[in-house]
Amino acid sequence: DETNMIRFIPEEGFEEEWTLQTKKETEKRKRTFKTILKLVMSESCHMNSGLVNPGFSRSGFGNTLHSMVLPALYAMRFGECIRADETFLYGHLDKYFRRWNTGPGFEWEPSDDEIRDLPADLFDQPVCELAGEYEEESKDQYSCIVADNENIWDRTWEALGPAMLPKSFENEHFFYHVSTIMSEFYAPVDQIKREIVKRKEAMNWPDNAPVLGLHVRLGDSCVDKGHQQRSILCEPLSTYIPSVEELTKRYGIGHVYLSTDSNQAVLDAENYPQYTWLVEKKDRFNEGYDDRIENLIDSGKVSGLEEGLEAYIDMLLLAETHALVGRFSSHFARSALEISSGSRECVMPYVSLDFDWYFGVSTPPKNAKYNRRWLDQNTV
């Protein structure tokens, strides 16, 4: 079903048969996409079109990471340099991501050879600087967007949808664009990588056996006053077990990594001894929160850096599993799937208990039902 992205459960051992030529072409296109991203994000970027100055959102960790995706796509389509506001709710960016850490062995700048390999007609003209509202009847054209709008990438995406995707990549599934940007943009620094190895060892994470990732959301988003209005379903671990059973039986998985902000969910896992549970030994005090995490950080009740690092490491551990169960109403679960898919260049099996995969703030936009060809061709 081309419109269904709530479940992806291929047959065991399913693998797309690619010719060597197809594989080479796919790898070349991926390199081109990454080079364009590096070009518009590099410190040395100089474009005639202008600058894009996005800021990170002040929200949950996954939502905050997602806030840079549309600005990146806009810059890649219209040839504008990104000069991001580096104010980050969760502390210093260089504590997390290689993009903001100029340590030895890493350069964000594209090489001369990479730039030479880019197609000549790479960018479109930016949306015209004309005050005027977007008109539905001109949807298939590059209509004028109000240029002084500080979130011009959001307005342009609402107007053009997939036509805002980078040139020659319009026919790729939108998941391709999001997962590549998320995995490249938010690649971890070496210290984070070492911490992940350390935590895996502490949990006895298996080296040669598959692991299912389970995200159970019961923290700040489930206790603040507005969670019911946001259509967030906060249910106990038992609600997820039927989907866990389905995937573990299908793929012969015995280990389950439990990603949760709930101490109760950890206790509930003991009711299912048929699985080897991989759970970090730490206090999950999020159930005691009485407000959204961004408000708690602003008030000084919670350390943004400590909260962010724990969330990021948890997200990366979830991204290293081999199948995923969660809720795609959560930016966190979607971010884990995207980072996994972008770095592995394939999609692991997954089940969402509520929404299809989508990219947006509240409700799935039309592009959530864009064709699923790329998913079908790139699966673990």
Foldseek 3Di string as FASTA:
>chain_A
DFQFQQFDDDAPPDAFDDDPVRVVVVVVVLLLLLQLLLQQAAPPRDDPQEEQEEEFDLADLLNRLLRCQLVSLLCQAAVHHYDYDQDDLQDGLCQWAVSPPPDPPDDSHDDPVSVVPHDPCWYDHHADCDDDAADQVCLCDSHHDNPPPSPRSVRSCVRHPLVSGTPPCSQPQVLQSLLQCLQRGGPTDVVLVVVLVVLCVVLVPDPPAFEEEEEQEQFQLPQEPCNVVLVDDHDAPVVQVVVVVVNCVSHVHAEYEYHYLDPVNVVVVVVPVSHSYRYGPDHRCRNVDHHGPSVCSVVVVDNSNVVNSVLSSSLCVNLPGQEYEEALQDSSRLSSQSNNCNVVVAGHTYHHPDDRHARDDGDHDPSSSRGCVSNVNGHD
